[in-house]
Amino acid sequence: SIEHVWWFYIVMEGFWSCVTLVGLLLLGAGCNGVKSGKKTLVLLENLSMKETHSMFFGDMKSRGYQLVFKMADDPNLAISKHGEFLYDNLIVFAPSVEEFGGTVDVSAITDFIDHGGNVLVAASSEVGDVLRDLGIEVGLELDERETFVIDHLNYDVKDRGEHTLLAVDPANLIEAELIVGEKPSAPALYRGLGMIADPDDPLVLEIMIGSTTSYSYFPKERISEYPHTVGKSTLLIAGLQARNNARVVFSGSIDFFSNKFFASSVLKAVPGAKEFDVCSNQQLASALLDWVFKEKGVIHAEEVFHHRIGEEDPPHAYTIMDDIHYAIKIQEMVGGKWVPFTAEDVQLEFFRIDPFVCIYLNKSEDGLYYADFKLPDVYGVFQFKVDYNRIGYTHLFSTTQVSVRPFEHTQYERFISSAYPYYVSSFSMIFGVQIFSLVFLHFRDNTKTKTD
């Protein structure tokens, strides 16, 4: 009947209203923070690595990462489909692979980085050509296959006589707590090949370097030529933050992330060395994971304000010599939420071709950085520019373009103090002409006339 149809319509309308309300609540809850789990593709050389590196992968799962394990030579391998990337992050734990499967190759990975993807790569002394080519793309040159980093003074007592099991001191880590965390007290264990950075690439970060006595060579051969890397130019772990803020970490040792190294003690094979129950590998790996997958060191500018002092809205154009108030709100990602950013070295440039004003910004408790200043006596098209680039943080670049015009005719002072000499000269000239005219017209010498 019509009454039954009417009641059915009311019930269904109420049901869909409840569904919509629940959906909006869930959406609002998701917008309050970053997604708890990010999809990460893990390329393995063999499936046994899921067991030998289970502590590292377990730490990732506990943080909410959705790990998708695949063999590096899987013929159906793909990181994008129909122009859309399927994963947020990529881990390559396949040191000796010569060629990736499916549609994945070096150009596909570099395209993934160019679109903001983050990559963690671990190599070894059995490195394949594909990882060597990938290293070149990110500004790193890997040593030859079957070479190791050797150090005859800084090796662990568990070394088998080749001095390739290094005990790397915390002093060899980069001075950036955002990348390596709090400096550990124990050395880290490292066994793998050496890398060297492109000296012309300013984006490469030397995260962990060898000691002054380290070098990279074949451990079972006599040195017949100059090694690929020597001393502190030997890179053990390197990083890269691209200009689009995508991050890459490249380790020359796959064992660095293994369960065996995570749980191993460390003791340098030198008299009087202190033994540590656990090396710092797990602590460093956790810190590197935080940084490379952007759980730390991510900042952004939320809002920008500028106006004349005493006003609230920005004008259509400023006038030279105006008193200006500028403010920018900067936030940092901490624990999956945006919080006010804290720093003492944020600078503002008022920029045309060159900066006319360059000042440090004052900081308030809510992450607002501000400054008051007077515009220069120069008109044109200017920019408020904040260019904050510090190691470990994403690059913050904010520009706001404004126009600065000269004074209108009615805005100039009636009498300009600098023109007083001209005023005096003008009036003195007028007074002088009057005196001269008076003398010339009314005073003349008496002249004698001739008489017959």
Foldseek 3Di string as FASTA:
>chain_A
DVVVVVVVVVVVVVVVVVVVVVVVVVVVVPVQFPDQEFEEEEEAQDPCQCVQLVVLVVVNVVSHYHYDYDHQAPQCDDQDDPRHGPGQEYEYHNFQDAAGHHPDALVRVVVCLVVQHFYEYEYFLNGYPRVQVNQVVQFKHWDHRQKAKAFPFAAFPPDPPLRQFGFAALVQADPDCLAQNDRDHGTATDHGTWMAGHPVDPFKAQGGFAAQRIFMDNSVDDDPDDGPDHHRRTGQKMKGQDLVRQIYIYGRHSCLSTPPLQQCKGFTPDPPTDIGRHHCSVSRSVSNVCQRSVQFQEKEWDDKDKPFPVDGHHDQAAEAFTKMKIKIAMWTRHPRHTAADDDFAWWKFWADPHGPDIDTFDADRRNMTMDIDTHHQDWDKIKTWTFDDDPSHRTYIDIDIHGYDYDDPVPDDPDDPVCVVVVVVVVVVVVVVVVVVCCVPPDDDDDDDDDD
